[in-house]
Each structure stands twice: as C-alpha cells, then as structure tokens.
Amino acid sequence: MATARHILDATDIDRILKRMAFEILEAHKGNHLALIGIHTRGVFLARRLQSHMKHFEGAEVPVGEIDITLYRDDWTQLSAHPVVKKTVIPFSVDGRQIILVDDVLFTGRTIRAAMDALIDFGRPARIELAVLIDRGHRELPIQSNYTGQCLTTRRNEMVNVLLQESDDQDRVTLTGASRAEDGT
C-alpha cells in the first residue's frame, strides 16, 4: 500500500520562495538577470520568484517559459503523440544571466534537456538552476544553485508538488511504497 507523507504546505512554500528570491537578488544584483521556468510547475515558480523580487527591491526581472518535451532523451518512450507546450522567451538570452526554474530536481535529465533547448535561443553568459525540491539520485552531473529544500528519497518514491495555479492548492508530498513493500 502506498503511503503519503506531508513535506511542505503553502506557508512553507511561500517562505522558501521568498528566501530563494533574496538569494538570487543578492548573488546577481540585477545584472542582466532573467528567469525561465520549465513547464509546467517551474513556470509558476518562476513567476512567483519574479513577484517576490519585484516586491523586495523593485527589480524588473523578465520571465520566460520553456517546454523541453522534444529535447528529452526519452520522449519517444513517453508517448507516440507527446503534448508540446509553448516556449515563450520574450527577451534575448544572449549575454544574460539565466536562471532555470523547476519544481523538483531528480536525475538531472530534465535540466539537461532545458539547457539544450535554451541554447537553441542563443548564448547566455551563465545558466544557473533554482529548484523547490532536490531529491537526489542524480544520473548526470547537475546541481542546483538555489535549492528550496533537500529531501532524502528512495528511487521508487514520488515527490508531488501541487501549486495553486494548476492544482488549486500549494503542497508538497512524498508518496511511495511502504518500507515493508519495498523490502527495507
């Protein structure tokens, strides 16, 4: 039987995003900075980070959104007809400090695909990564520059990030087989 464990609630998520916004502002001091959210929940998180930055320092940080579906190394295994969302980057990425934003960092493959997609739009000065949850189990040498929370997980567990914009609530849970079922 699958179990679910509460990790973060709406207050926790908001506090984490405020901290991350401060960290990003502190590190970049507004130097040609832009946020690009990875569809789907990374887009919502990028917009929230942008809002916090504007509130804290009046910083007008542009936000874009990127779909990585056709850049994934497993897209042919996911579906014969993958659903491709919009990529909207309303600014030049050339010479910019780009922060990719996603909800969960796991194997690193999504981030690799996002970097491949981003490079098709130009040559950023630097690419960094901001994630709400880092759950480990990397398959590629990718790490987050700005991390909301590190979470120890098993590979067979699932981190579920729910956000108001898509799920009518803000919450993070961890679900997976009980210890007895997975043999531990």
N, C-alpha and C. Protein backbone atom coordinates (compact mmCIF):
# COMPACT_ATOMS: atom_id res chain seq x y z
N MET A 1 0.83 -1.18 0.00
CA MET A 1 0.00 0.00 0.00
C MET A 1 0.88 1.25 0.00
N ALA A 2 0.55 2.19 -0.84
CA ALA A 2 1.32 3.44 -0.93
C ALA A 2 1.03 4.33 0.26
N THR A 3 2.06 4.99 0.72
CA THR A 3 1.91 5.92 1.82
C THR A 3 2.21 7.33 1.32
N ALA A 4 1.62 8.32 1.96
CA ALA A 4 1.88 9.72 1.60
C ALA A 4 2.36 10.44 2.84
N ARG A 5 3.40 11.24 2.67
CA ARG A 5 3.95 12.00 3.79
C ARG A 5 3.95 13.47 3.42
N HIS A 6 3.42 14.30 4.28
CA HIS A 6 3.40 15.74 4.09
C HIS A 6 4.82 16.28 4.21
N ILE A 7 5.23 17.11 3.23
CA ILE A 7 6.57 17.71 3.26
C ILE A 7 6.47 19.22 3.47
N LEU A 8 5.70 19.91 2.61
CA LEU A 8 5.56 21.36 2.71
C LEU A 8 4.11 21.76 2.52
N ASP A 9 3.71 22.84 3.21
CA ASP A 9 2.38 23.42 2.98
C ASP A 9 2.56 24.79 2.30
N ALA A 10 1.47 25.49 2.10
CA ALA A 10 1.51 26.77 1.38
C ALA A 10 2.43 27.78 2.07
N THR A 11 2.38 27.84 3.38
CA THR A 11 3.23 28.78 4.12
C THR A 11 4.70 28.44 3.94
N ASP A 12 5.03 27.15 4.00
CA ASP A 12 6.42 26.72 3.80
C ASP A 12 6.91 27.08 2.41
N ILE A 13 6.10 26.82 1.40
CA ILE A 13 6.49 27.10 0.02
C ILE A 13 6.71 28.59 -0.18
N ASP A 14 5.83 29.41 0.35
CA ASP A 14 5.98 30.85 0.21
C ASP A 14 7.25 31.34 0.90
N ARG A 15 7.52 30.85 2.10
CA ARG A 15 8.73 31.24 2.83
C ARG A 15 9.98 30.83 2.06
N ILE A 16 9.98 29.63 1.51
CA ILE A 16 11.12 29.13 0.75
C ILE A 16 11.35 29.99 -0.49
N LEU A 17 10.28 30.31 -1.21
CA LEU A 17 10.43 31.12 -2.43
C LEU A 17 10.91 32.53 -2.12
N LYS A 18 10.48 33.09 -1.01
CA LYS A 18 10.98 34.41 -0.59
C LYS A 18 12.48 34.34 -0.31
N ARG A 19 12.91 33.32 0.40
CA ARG A 19 14.34 33.15 0.69
C ARG A 19 15.13 32.99 -0.59
N MET A 20 14.63 32.16 -1.51
CA MET A 20 15.33 31.94 -2.78
C MET A 20 15.42 33.24 -3.59
N ALA A 21 14.34 34.03 -3.58
CA ALA A 21 14.35 35.31 -4.30
C ALA A 21 15.43 36.23 -3.74
N PHE A 22 15.53 36.29 -2.41
CA PHE A 22 16.58 37.10 -1.78
C PHE A 22 17.97 36.59 -2.18
N GLU A 23 18.16 35.27 -2.16
CA GLU A 23 19.45 34.70 -2.52
C GLU A 23 19.84 35.05 -3.95
N ILE A 24 18.88 34.95 -4.86
CA ILE A 24 19.14 35.26 -6.27
C ILE A 24 19.49 36.74 -6.43
N LEU A 25 18.71 37.60 -5.81
CA LEU A 25 18.98 39.04 -5.88
C LEU A 25 20.36 39.36 -5.31
N GLU A 26 20.68 38.77 -4.20
CA GLU A 26 21.97 39.00 -3.54
C GLU A 26 23.12 38.57 -4.45
N ALA A 27 22.96 37.44 -5.11
CA ALA A 27 24.03 36.90 -5.96
C ALA A 27 24.20 37.68 -7.26
N HIS A 28 23.12 38.27 -7.75
CA HIS A 28 23.17 38.87 -9.09
C HIS A 28 23.07 40.39 -9.11
N LYS A 29 22.56 40.99 -8.09
CA LYS A 29 22.43 42.45 -8.03
C LYS A 29 21.80 43.01 -9.30
N GLY A 30 20.86 42.25 -9.91
CA GLY A 30 20.13 42.72 -11.08
C GLY A 30 20.91 42.72 -12.38
N ASN A 31 22.09 42.14 -12.40
CA ASN A 31 22.95 42.16 -13.58
C ASN A 31 22.42 41.29 -14.72
N HIS A 32 21.64 41.90 -15.58
CA HIS A 32 21.17 41.25 -16.81
C HIS A 32 20.60 39.86 -16.53
N LEU A 33 19.76 39.79 -15.52
CA LEU A 33 19.19 38.55 -15.00
C LEU A 33 17.85 38.26 -15.64
N ALA A 34 17.55 36.98 -15.87
CA ALA A 34 16.24 36.55 -16.34
C ALA A 34 15.94 35.17 -15.76
N LEU A 35 14.66 34.91 -15.52
CA LEU A 35 14.19 33.62 -15.04
C LEU A 35 13.48 32.91 -16.18
N ILE A 36 13.72 31.61 -16.31
CA ILE A 36 12.99 30.81 -17.30
C ILE A 36 12.47 29.57 -16.59
N GLY A 37 11.14 29.48 -16.51
CA GLY A 37 10.50 28.34 -15.87
C GLY A 37 10.34 27.19 -16.84
N ILE A 38 10.58 25.99 -16.33
CA ILE A 38 10.41 24.77 -17.13
C ILE A 38 8.98 24.30 -16.93
N HIS A 39 8.27 24.09 -18.04
CA HIS A 39 6.86 23.66 -17.96
C HIS A 39 6.74 22.39 -17.14
N THR A 40 5.79 22.31 -16.31
CA THR A 40 4.68 23.21 -16.08
C THR A 40 4.88 23.99 -14.78
N ARG A 41 5.18 23.31 -13.72
CA ARG A 41 5.22 23.98 -12.42
C ARG A 41 6.41 24.92 -12.27
N GLY A 42 7.48 24.69 -13.01
CA GLY A 42 8.61 25.62 -12.98
C GLY A 42 8.24 27.01 -13.47
N VAL A 43 7.28 27.08 -14.39
CA VAL A 43 6.80 28.37 -14.89
C VAL A 43 6.12 29.14 -13.76
N PHE A 44 5.27 28.46 -13.01
CA PHE A 44 4.56 29.12 -11.90
C PHE A 44 5.54 29.56 -10.82
N LEU A 45 6.53 28.73 -10.53
CA LEU A 45 7.52 29.09 -9.51
C LEU A 45 8.36 30.28 -9.98
N ALA A 46 8.72 30.31 -11.26
CA ALA A 46 9.49 31.45 -11.79
C ALA A 46 8.70 32.75 -11.66
N ARG A 47 7.42 32.69 -11.94
CA ARG A 47 6.58 33.90 -11.82
C ARG A 47 6.48 34.34 -10.36
N ARG A 48 6.40 33.39 -9.45
CA ARG A 48 6.35 33.76 -8.03
C ARG A 48 7.67 34.38 -7.58
N LEU A 49 8.79 33.80 -8.02
CA LEU A 49 10.09 34.38 -7.69
C LEU A 49 10.19 35.80 -8.24
N GLN A 50 9.74 36.00 -9.47
CA GLN A 50 9.74 37.33 -10.08
C GLN A 50 8.93 38.31 -9.23
N SER A 51 7.77 37.88 -8.78
CA SER A 51 6.90 38.74 -7.96
C SER A 51 7.59 39.12 -6.65
N HIS A 52 8.24 38.15 -6.01
CA HIS A 52 8.95 38.44 -4.75
C HIS A 52 10.10 39.41 -5.00
N MET A 53 10.83 39.23 -6.08
CA MET A 53 11.95 40.11 -6.39
C MET A 53 11.47 41.54 -6.62
N LYS A 54 10.37 41.66 -7.32
CA LYS A 54 9.80 42.99 -7.57
C LYS A 54 9.36 43.63 -6.25
N HIS A 55 8.72 42.84 -5.40
CA HIS A 55 8.25 43.35 -4.11
C HIS A 55 9.42 43.77 -3.21
N PHE A 56 10.48 42.96 -3.17
CA PHE A 56 11.60 43.23 -2.28
C PHE A 56 12.44 44.43 -2.72
N GLU A 57 12.76 44.49 -4.01
CA GLU A 57 13.71 45.50 -4.47
C GLU A 57 13.24 46.27 -5.69
N GLY A 58 12.00 46.05 -6.11
CA GLY A 58 11.52 46.72 -7.31
C GLY A 58 12.20 46.22 -8.57
N ALA A 59 12.87 45.09 -8.47
CA ALA A 59 13.60 44.53 -9.61
C ALA A 59 12.63 44.04 -10.68
N GLU A 60 12.85 44.47 -11.90
CA GLU A 60 12.03 44.05 -13.04
C GLU A 60 12.76 42.91 -13.75
N VAL A 61 12.66 41.72 -13.21
CA VAL A 61 13.34 40.56 -13.78
C VAL A 61 12.40 39.90 -14.79
N PRO A 62 12.82 39.81 -16.07
CA PRO A 62 11.95 39.18 -17.05
C PRO A 62 11.84 37.67 -16.81
N VAL A 63 10.68 37.14 -17.22
CA VAL A 63 10.41 35.70 -17.06
C VAL A 63 10.01 35.12 -18.41
N GLY A 64 10.56 33.95 -18.69
CA GLY A 64 10.18 33.19 -19.87
C GLY A 64 9.73 31.81 -19.43
N GLU A 65 9.24 31.06 -20.39
CA GLU A 65 8.84 29.68 -20.12
C GLU A 65 9.33 28.80 -21.25
N ILE A 66 9.77 27.60 -20.88
CA ILE A 66 10.35 26.71 -21.88
C ILE A 66 9.76 25.31 -21.74
N ASP A 67 9.46 24.73 -22.90
CA ASP A 67 8.98 23.35 -22.95
C ASP A 67 10.13 22.48 -23.45
N ILE A 68 10.39 21.40 -22.75
CA ILE A 68 11.54 20.56 -23.08
C ILE A 68 11.14 19.22 -23.67
N THR A 69 9.86 19.04 -23.96
CA THR A 69 9.35 17.74 -24.39
C THR A 69 10.19 17.11 -25.50
N LEU A 70 10.45 17.84 -26.57
CA LEU A 70 11.16 17.26 -27.70
C LEU A 70 12.67 17.21 -27.51
N TYR A 71 13.16 17.73 -26.38
CA TYR A 71 14.58 17.67 -26.06
C TYR A 71 14.89 16.54 -25.08
N ARG A 72 13.87 15.90 -24.57
CA ARG A 72 14.07 14.80 -23.63
C ARG A 72 14.70 13.61 -24.34
N ASP A 73 15.55 12.88 -23.64
CA ASP A 73 16.16 11.70 -24.26
C ASP A 73 15.24 10.49 -24.24
N ASP A 74 14.06 10.65 -23.61
CA ASP A 74 13.11 9.53 -23.53
C ASP A 74 11.75 9.87 -24.11
N TRP A 75 11.64 10.95 -24.89
CA TRP A 75 10.32 11.40 -25.34
C TRP A 75 9.62 10.37 -26.20
N THR A 76 10.34 9.57 -26.96
CA THR A 76 9.68 8.56 -27.79
C THR A 76 9.12 7.42 -26.95
N GLN A 77 9.62 7.26 -25.75
CA GLN A 77 9.12 6.22 -24.85
C GLN A 77 7.92 6.69 -24.05
N LEU A 78 7.73 8.01 -23.94
CA LEU A 78 6.64 8.55 -23.13
C LEU A 78 5.30 8.43 -23.83
N SER A 79 5.27 8.74 -25.13
CA SER A 79 4.02 8.75 -25.86
C SER A 79 4.29 8.84 -27.35
N ALA A 80 3.41 8.23 -28.13
CA ALA A 80 3.53 8.35 -29.58
C ALA A 80 3.18 9.77 -30.03
N HIS A 81 2.38 10.47 -29.23
CA HIS A 81 1.96 11.84 -29.53
C HIS A 81 2.19 12.72 -28.31
N PRO A 82 3.45 13.15 -28.10
CA PRO A 82 3.73 13.96 -26.91
C PRO A 82 3.00 15.30 -26.97
N VAL A 83 2.62 15.78 -25.80
CA VAL A 83 1.97 17.08 -25.69
C VAL A 83 3.06 18.12 -25.54
N VAL A 84 3.18 18.99 -26.53
CA VAL A 84 4.19 20.03 -26.51
C VAL A 84 3.52 21.34 -26.12
N LYS A 85 4.04 21.96 -25.07
CA LYS A 85 3.51 23.24 -24.61
C LYS A 85 4.30 24.38 -25.25
N LYS A 86 3.86 25.59 -24.98
CA LYS A 86 4.51 26.76 -25.56
C LYS A 86 5.85 27.06 -24.90
N THR A 87 6.78 27.47 -25.72
CA THR A 87 8.00 28.09 -25.23
C THR A 87 7.86 29.57 -25.54
N VAL A 88 7.95 30.39 -24.50
CA VAL A 88 7.83 31.83 -24.66
C VAL A 88 9.01 32.48 -23.94
N ILE A 89 9.91 33.02 -24.73
CA ILE A 89 11.06 33.74 -24.16
C ILE A 89 11.06 35.11 -24.84
N PRO A 90 10.40 36.09 -24.19
CA PRO A 90 10.20 37.40 -24.82
C PRO A 90 11.38 38.37 -24.69
N PHE A 91 12.58 37.82 -24.62
CA PHE A 91 13.79 38.62 -24.50
C PHE A 91 14.93 37.81 -25.10
N SER A 92 16.00 38.47 -25.45
CA SER A 92 17.18 37.77 -25.95
C SER A 92 17.90 37.12 -24.77
N VAL A 93 18.32 35.88 -24.95
CA VAL A 93 19.08 35.20 -23.90
C VAL A 93 20.57 35.49 -24.02
N ASP A 94 20.98 36.05 -25.15
CA ASP A 94 22.40 36.33 -25.38
C ASP A 94 22.97 37.24 -24.29
N GLY A 95 24.03 36.77 -23.67
CA GLY A 95 24.72 37.56 -22.66
C GLY A 95 24.00 37.69 -21.33
N ARG A 96 22.87 37.06 -21.17
CA ARG A 96 22.10 37.16 -19.92
C ARG A 96 22.52 36.11 -18.90
N GLN A 97 22.27 36.45 -17.65
CA GLN A 97 22.39 35.51 -16.55
C GLN A 97 21.02 34.82 -16.46
N ILE A 98 20.92 33.59 -16.90
CA ILE A 98 19.65 32.87 -16.93
C ILE A 98 19.57 31.92 -15.75
N ILE A 99 18.44 31.99 -15.07
CA ILE A 99 18.17 31.02 -14.02
C ILE A 99 17.00 30.16 -14.46
N LEU A 100 17.28 28.88 -14.71
CA LEU A 100 16.22 27.92 -15.00
C LEU A 100 15.53 27.59 -13.69
N VAL A 101 14.21 27.50 -13.72
CA VAL A 101 13.44 27.24 -12.50
C VAL A 101 12.60 25.99 -12.72
N ASP A 102 12.67 25.06 -11.77
CA ASP A 102 11.86 23.84 -11.85
C ASP A 102 11.40 23.47 -10.44
N ASP A 103 10.42 22.58 -10.39
CA ASP A 103 9.87 22.20 -9.09
C ASP A 103 10.73 21.14 -8.39
N VAL A 104 11.17 20.11 -9.11
CA VAL A 104 11.91 19.01 -8.49
C VAL A 104 13.14 18.68 -9.32
N LEU A 105 14.27 18.55 -8.67
CA LEU A 105 15.50 18.06 -9.29
C LEU A 105 15.69 16.62 -8.85
N PHE A 106 15.77 15.73 -9.84
CA PHE A 106 15.88 14.30 -9.56
C PHE A 106 17.11 13.76 -10.28
N THR A 107 16.96 13.21 -11.46
CA THR A 107 18.09 12.61 -12.18
C THR A 107 18.97 13.64 -12.87
N GLY A 108 18.42 14.82 -13.18
CA GLY A 108 19.15 15.85 -13.90
C GLY A 108 18.82 15.87 -15.38
N ARG A 109 18.07 14.90 -15.85
CA ARG A 109 17.77 14.79 -17.28
C ARG A 109 16.86 15.92 -17.78
N THR A 110 15.91 16.35 -16.97
CA THR A 110 15.05 17.47 -17.37
C THR A 110 15.88 18.74 -17.54
N ILE A 111 16.80 18.96 -16.64
CA ILE A 111 17.63 20.16 -16.69
C ILE A 111 18.56 20.11 -17.90
N ARG A 112 19.13 18.95 -18.20
CA ARG A 112 19.96 18.81 -19.39
C ARG A 112 19.14 19.15 -20.63
N ALA A 113 17.91 18.65 -20.70
CA ALA A 113 17.04 18.95 -21.84
C ALA A 113 16.73 20.44 -21.91
N ALA A 114 16.49 21.06 -20.75
CA ALA A 114 16.19 22.50 -20.72
C ALA A 114 17.39 23.31 -21.20
N MET A 115 18.59 22.91 -20.82
CA MET A 115 19.78 23.63 -21.29
C MET A 115 19.94 23.48 -22.79
N ASP A 116 19.70 22.28 -23.31
CA ASP A 116 19.76 22.07 -24.76
C ASP A 116 18.76 22.97 -25.48
N ALA A 117 17.54 23.02 -24.96
CA ALA A 117 16.50 23.85 -25.57
C ALA A 117 16.89 25.33 -25.50
N LEU A 118 17.38 25.77 -24.35
CA LEU A 118 17.75 27.17 -24.15
C LEU A 118 18.85 27.61 -25.12
N ILE A 119 19.83 26.76 -25.34
CA ILE A 119 20.95 27.10 -26.22
C ILE A 119 20.46 27.33 -27.65
N ASP A 120 19.35 26.73 -28.03
CA ASP A 120 18.79 26.98 -29.36
C ASP A 120 18.30 28.43 -29.51
N PHE A 121 18.13 29.13 -28.38
CA PHE A 121 17.67 30.52 -28.41
C PHE A 121 18.81 31.53 -28.34
N GLY A 122 20.02 31.07 -28.11
CA GLY A 122 21.14 31.99 -28.04
C GLY A 122 22.19 31.50 -27.07
N ARG A 123 23.08 32.44 -26.72
CA ARG A 123 24.20 32.08 -25.84
C ARG A 123 24.18 32.92 -24.56
N PRO A 124 23.61 32.34 -23.49
CA PRO A 124 23.61 33.07 -22.22
C PRO A 124 25.03 33.23 -21.67
N ALA A 125 25.23 34.26 -20.87
CA ALA A 125 26.52 34.43 -20.21
C ALA A 125 26.72 33.33 -19.17
N ARG A 126 25.62 32.94 -18.54
CA ARG A 126 25.66 31.93 -17.48
C ARG A 126 24.27 31.33 -17.35
N ILE A 127 24.23 30.03 -17.01
CA ILE A 127 22.97 29.36 -16.72
C ILE A 127 23.08 28.80 -15.31
N GLU A 128 22.10 29.15 -14.48
CA GLU A 128 22.02 28.61 -13.12
C GLU A 128 20.68 27.90 -12.97
N LEU A 129 20.53 27.24 -11.83
CA LEU A 129 19.33 26.44 -11.59
C LEU A 129 18.76 26.75 -10.21
N ALA A 130 17.44 26.95 -10.17
CA ALA A 130 16.71 27.11 -8.91
C ALA A 130 15.61 26.05 -8.88
N VAL A 131 15.56 25.28 -7.80
CA VAL A 131 14.54 24.24 -7.65
C VAL A 131 13.90 24.32 -6.27
N LEU A 132 12.64 23.99 -6.22
CA LEU A 132 11.94 23.94 -4.94
C LEU A 132 12.42 22.75 -4.11
N ILE A 133 12.52 21.57 -4.74
CA ILE A 133 12.92 20.34 -4.05
C ILE A 133 14.06 19.67 -4.80
N ASP A 134 15.13 19.33 -4.08
CA ASP A 134 16.21 18.50 -4.63
C ASP A 134 16.10 17.16 -3.91
N ARG A 135 15.77 16.12 -4.67
CA ARG A 135 15.56 14.81 -4.06
C ARG A 135 16.70 13.83 -4.27
N GLY A 136 17.79 14.30 -4.90
CA GLY A 136 18.94 13.43 -5.09
C GLY A 136 18.76 12.44 -6.23
N HIS A 137 19.58 11.40 -6.24
CA HIS A 137 19.54 10.32 -7.24
C HIS A 137 19.97 10.79 -8.63
N ARG A 138 20.96 11.66 -8.70
CA ARG A 138 21.40 12.21 -9.97
C ARG A 138 21.98 11.14 -10.89
N GLU A 139 21.66 11.25 -12.17
CA GLU A 139 22.26 10.43 -13.22
C GLU A 139 23.23 11.24 -14.06
N LEU A 140 23.13 12.56 -13.95
CA LEU A 140 24.00 13.48 -14.68
C LEU A 140 24.63 14.45 -13.67
N PRO A 141 25.81 15.00 -13.99
CA PRO A 141 26.47 15.90 -13.04
C PRO A 141 25.86 17.30 -13.06
N ILE A 142 24.66 17.40 -12.51
CA ILE A 142 23.92 18.66 -12.48
C ILE A 142 23.53 18.93 -11.03
N GLN A 143 23.68 20.19 -10.61
CA GLN A 143 23.29 20.57 -9.26
C GLN A 143 22.58 21.91 -9.29
N SER A 144 21.82 22.16 -8.24
CA SER A 144 21.07 23.40 -8.13
C SER A 144 21.92 24.48 -7.48
N ASN A 145 21.80 25.71 -7.98
CA ASN A 145 22.45 26.85 -7.35
C ASN A 145 21.60 27.40 -6.21
N TYR A 146 20.28 27.28 -6.34
CA TYR A 146 19.33 27.78 -5.35
C TYR A 146 18.33 26.66 -5.09
N THR A 147 18.35 26.16 -3.86
CA THR A 147 17.53 25.00 -3.51
C THR A 147 16.60 25.35 -2.38
N GLY A 148 15.32 25.07 -2.59
CA GLY A 148 14.33 25.29 -1.53
C GLY A 148 14.53 24.33 -0.39
N GLN A 149 14.51 23.03 -0.70
CA GLN A 149 14.69 22.01 0.33
C GLN A 149 15.29 20.77 -0.29
N CYS A 150 16.28 20.19 0.40
CA CYS A 150 16.83 18.88 0.01
C CYS A 150 16.02 17.82 0.74
N LEU A 151 15.65 16.80 0.02
CA LEU A 151 14.77 15.77 0.56
C LEU A 151 15.36 14.41 0.26
N THR A 152 15.56 13.61 1.30
CA THR A 152 16.07 12.26 1.11
C THR A 152 14.92 11.36 0.68
N THR A 153 15.08 10.71 -0.46
CA THR A 153 14.03 9.84 -1.00
C THR A 153 14.63 8.52 -1.47
N ARG A 154 13.75 7.57 -1.69
CA ARG A 154 14.11 6.33 -2.39
C ARG A 154 13.75 6.55 -3.86
N ARG A 155 14.40 5.81 -4.73
CA ARG A 155 14.12 5.96 -6.16
C ARG A 155 12.68 5.65 -6.51
N ASN A 156 12.04 4.73 -5.78
CA ASN A 156 10.66 4.34 -6.11
C ASN A 156 9.61 5.27 -5.50
N GLU A 157 10.04 6.28 -4.78
CA GLU A 157 9.11 7.25 -4.22
C GLU A 157 8.88 8.38 -5.22
N MET A 158 7.80 9.12 -4.99
CA MET A 158 7.43 10.21 -5.89
C MET A 158 7.22 11.47 -5.07
N VAL A 159 7.87 12.57 -5.51
CA VAL A 159 7.65 13.88 -4.90
C VAL A 159 6.54 14.54 -5.70
N ASN A 160 5.46 14.90 -5.04
CA ASN A 160 4.32 15.54 -5.69
C ASN A 160 4.26 17.00 -5.28
N VAL A 161 4.50 17.90 -6.24
CA VAL A 161 4.41 19.33 -5.99
C VAL A 161 3.08 19.80 -6.55
N LEU A 162 2.24 20.32 -5.68
CA LEU A 162 0.95 20.87 -6.08
C LEU A 162 1.03 22.38 -5.91
N LEU A 163 0.62 23.10 -6.94
CA LEU A 163 0.64 24.56 -6.88
C LEU A 163 -0.74 25.11 -7.20
N GLN A 164 -1.07 26.19 -6.57
CA GLN A 164 -2.37 26.84 -6.70
C GLN A 164 -2.76 27.05 -8.16
N GLU A 165 -1.82 27.48 -8.97
CA GLU A 165 -2.11 27.82 -10.37
C GLU A 165 -2.60 26.63 -11.19
N SER A 166 -2.18 25.42 -10.84
CA SER A 166 -2.58 24.24 -11.61
C SER A 166 -3.35 23.21 -10.81
N ASP A 167 -3.22 23.24 -9.49
CA ASP A 167 -3.78 22.18 -8.66
C ASP A 167 -4.72 22.68 -7.56
N ASP A 168 -5.01 23.99 -7.55
CA ASP A 168 -5.89 24.60 -6.55
C ASP A 168 -5.41 24.52 -5.12
N GLN A 169 -4.12 24.24 -4.92
CA GLN A 169 -3.54 24.24 -3.58
C GLN A 169 -2.02 24.23 -3.70
N ASP A 170 -1.36 24.68 -2.64
CA ASP A 170 0.10 24.62 -2.56
C ASP A 170 0.45 23.56 -1.53
N ARG A 171 1.15 22.53 -1.99
CA ARG A 171 1.52 21.46 -1.07
C ARG A 171 2.56 20.56 -1.74
N VAL A 172 3.46 20.01 -0.95
CA VAL A 172 4.41 19.02 -1.44
C VAL A 172 4.26 17.79 -0.56
N THR A 173 4.11 16.63 -1.22
CA THR A 173 4.02 15.36 -0.51
C THR A 173 5.01 14.38 -1.12
N LEU A 174 5.32 13.36 -0.35
CA LEU A 174 6.16 12.26 -0.80
C LEU A 174 5.33 11.01 -0.73
N THR A 175 5.20 10.31 -1.84
CA THR A 175 4.42 9.08 -1.87
C THR A 175 5.28 7.95 -2.40
N GLY A 176 4.95 6.75 -1.99
CA GLY A 176 5.66 5.59 -2.49
C GLY A 176 5.31 4.36 -1.68
N ALA A 177 5.95 3.28 -2.04
CA ALA A 177 5.69 2.03 -1.34
C ALA A 177 6.15 2.14 0.11
N SER A 178 5.45 1.45 0.99
CA SER A 178 5.86 1.42 2.39
C SER A 178 7.17 0.64 2.48
N ARG A 179 7.89 0.81 3.57
CA ARG A 179 9.16 0.10 3.76
C ARG A 179 8.97 -1.39 3.65
N ALA A 180 7.89 -1.93 4.18
CA ALA A 180 7.66 -3.36 4.15
C ALA A 180 7.50 -3.86 2.71
N GLU A 181 6.86 -3.04 1.87
CA GLU A 181 6.62 -3.45 0.48
C GLU A 181 7.86 -3.36 -0.37
N ASP A 182 8.73 -2.37 -0.12
CA ASP A 182 9.91 -2.26 -0.98
C ASP A 182 11.11 -3.03 -0.43
N GLY A 183 10.89 -3.80 0.65
CA GLY A 183 11.91 -4.69 1.16
C GLY A 183 12.90 -4.06 2.11
N THR A 184 12.62 -2.85 2.60
CA THR A 184 13.56 -2.22 3.53
C THR A 184 12.97 -2.12 4.91
